[in-house]
Amino acid sequence: MNRTPLDRLALVLVIIGALNWLLVGLFNFDLVASLFGGSSTFLSRAVYTIVGVSGLYCISLLFRESEQVTE
């Protein structure tokens, strides 16, 4: 399946969010909050929101038809 640049960006953001949750789960360390001055700052909340919207967008990837490659 060909991915658009928006598909790729959304997937990268979802992966970043997943890695952040991995750090929270394993080490109780929130990298986003650490980088942007706490989990309640505007920048942290903006990052969380962007990652969340990317996750919602990635749901659409599950329901797209894949292209058939013929040789």
C-alpha atoms as a PDB file:
ATOM      1  CA  MET A   1       0.000   0.000   0.000  1.00  0.00           C
ATOM      2  CA  ASN A   2       1.314   3.421  -0.886  1.00  0.00           C
ATOM      3  CA  ARG A   3       1.391   5.741   2.072  1.00  0.00           C
ATOM      4  CA  THR A   4       0.854   9.467   1.737  1.00  0.00           C
ATOM      5  CA  PRO A   5       3.141  11.906   3.558  1.00  0.00           C
ATOM      6  CA  LEU A   6       0.298  12.524   6.037  1.00  0.00           C
ATOM      7  CA  ASP A   7       0.051   8.765   6.682  1.00  0.00           C
ATOM      8  CA  ARG A   8       3.773   8.575   7.375  1.00  0.00           C
ATOM      9  CA  LEU A   9       3.726  11.630   9.664  1.00  0.00           C
ATOM     10  CA  ALA A  10       0.795  10.240  11.630  1.00  0.00           C
ATOM     11  CA  LEU A  11       2.530   6.874  12.018  1.00  0.00           C
ATOM     12  CA  VAL A  12       5.752   8.522  13.224  1.00  0.00           C
ATOM     13  CA  LEU A  13       3.825  10.558  15.803  1.00  0.00           C
ATOM     14  CA  VAL A  14       1.954   7.480  17.012  1.00  0.00           C
ATOM     15  CA  ILE A  15       5.252   5.609  17.368  1.00  0.00           C
ATOM     16  CA  ILE A  16       6.706   8.513  19.371  1.00  0.00           C
ATOM     17  CA  GLY A  17       3.639   8.419  21.622  1.00  0.00           C
ATOM     18  CA  ALA A  18       3.962   4.661  22.046  1.00  0.00           C
ATOM     19  CA  LEU A  19       7.624   4.995  23.020  1.00  0.00           C
ATOM     20  CA  ASN A  20       6.691   7.668  25.558  1.00  0.00           C
ATOM     21  CA  TRP A  21       4.084   5.316  27.066  1.00  0.00           C
ATOM     22  CA  LEU A  22       6.710   2.560  27.145  1.00  0.00           C
ATOM     23  CA  LEU A  23       8.962   4.824  29.204  1.00  0.00           C
ATOM     24  CA  VAL A  24       6.060   5.663  31.522  1.00  0.00           C
ATOM     25  CA  GLY A  25       5.183   2.004  31.964  1.00  0.00           C
ATOM     26  CA  LEU A  26       8.691   0.704  32.533  1.00  0.00           C
ATOM     27  CA  PHE A  27      10.406   3.563  34.318  1.00  0.00           C
ATOM     28  CA  ASN A  28       7.612   5.937  35.424  1.00  0.00           C
ATOM     29  CA  PHE A  29       9.320   8.594  33.262  1.00  0.00           C
ATOM     30  CA  ASP A  30       7.299  10.861  30.964  1.00  0.00           C
ATOM     31  CA  LEU A  31       9.738  12.150  28.337  1.00  0.00           C
ATOM     32  CA  VAL A  32       7.283  14.678  26.882  1.00  0.00           C
ATOM     33  CA  ALA A  33       6.603  16.196  30.288  1.00  0.00           C
ATOM     34  CA  SER A  34      10.308  16.205  31.043  1.00  0.00           C
ATOM     35  CA  LEU A  35      11.170  18.010  27.810  1.00  0.00           C
ATOM     36  CA  PHE A  36       8.414  20.606  28.010  1.00  0.00           C
ATOM     37  CA  GLY A  37       8.315  21.438  31.717  1.00  0.00           C
ATOM     38  CA  GLY A  38       5.583  19.214  33.131  1.00  0.00           C
ATOM     39  CA  SER A  39       2.531  17.375  31.914  1.00  0.00           C
ATOM     40  CA  SER A  40       0.184  20.318  32.403  1.00  0.00           C
ATOM     41  CA  THR A  41       2.135  22.908  30.390  1.00  0.00           C
ATOM     42  CA  PHE A  42       0.721  24.163  27.112  1.00  0.00           C
ATOM     43  CA  LEU A  43       3.506  22.580  25.025  1.00  0.00           C
ATOM     44  CA  SER A  44       3.120  19.156  26.643  1.00  0.00           C
ATOM     45  CA  ARG A  45      -0.637  19.241  26.206  1.00  0.00           C
ATOM     46  CA  ALA A  46      -0.173  20.285  22.576  1.00  0.00           C
ATOM     47  CA  VAL A  47       2.147  17.316  21.957  1.00  0.00           C
ATOM     48  CA  TYR A  48      -0.283  14.929  23.673  1.00  0.00           C
ATOM     49  CA  THR A  49      -3.138  16.329  21.571  1.00  0.00           C
ATOM     50  CA  ILE A  50      -1.222  16.048  18.292  1.00  0.00           C
ATOM     51  CA  VAL A  51      -0.217  12.458  19.077  1.00  0.00           C
ATOM     52  CA  GLY A  52      -3.807  11.619  20.014  1.00  0.00           C
ATOM     53  CA  VAL A  53      -5.209  13.093  16.812  1.00  0.00           C
ATOM     54  CA  SER A  54      -2.564  11.151  14.881  1.00  0.00           C
ATOM     55  CA  GLY A  55      -3.752   7.983  16.577  1.00  0.00           C
ATOM     56  CA  LEU A  56      -7.319   8.700  15.543  1.00  0.00           C
ATOM     57  CA  TYR A  57      -6.151   9.335  11.974  1.00  0.00           C
ATOM     58  CA  CYS A  58      -4.237   6.029  11.955  1.00  0.00           C
ATOM     59  CA  ILE A  59      -7.485   4.180  12.613  1.00  0.00           C
ATOM     60  CA  SER A  60      -8.365   5.002   9.000  1.00  0.00           C
ATOM     61  CA  LEU A  61      -5.308   3.020   7.863  1.00  0.00           C
ATOM     62  CA  LEU A  62      -6.959  -0.152   9.148  1.00  0.00           C
ATOM     63  CA  PHE A  63      -9.903   0.227   6.825  1.00  0.00           C
ATOM     64  CA  ARG A  64      -8.178   1.224   3.597  1.00  0.00           C
ATOM     65  CA  GLU A  65      -8.061  -1.229   0.730  1.00  0.00           C
ATOM     66  CA  SER A  66      -4.567  -2.320  -0.230  1.00  0.00           C
ATOM     67  CA  GLU A  67      -3.511  -2.014  -3.846  1.00  0.00           C
ATOM     68  CA  GLN A  68      -2.971  -5.229  -5.738  1.00  0.00           C
ATOM     69  CA  VAL A  69       0.514  -5.445  -7.226  1.00  0.00           C
ATOM     70  CA  THR A  70       0.586  -7.303 -10.520  1.00  0.00           C
ATOM     71  CA  GLU A  71       3.753  -8.318 -12.239  1.00  0.00           C
END
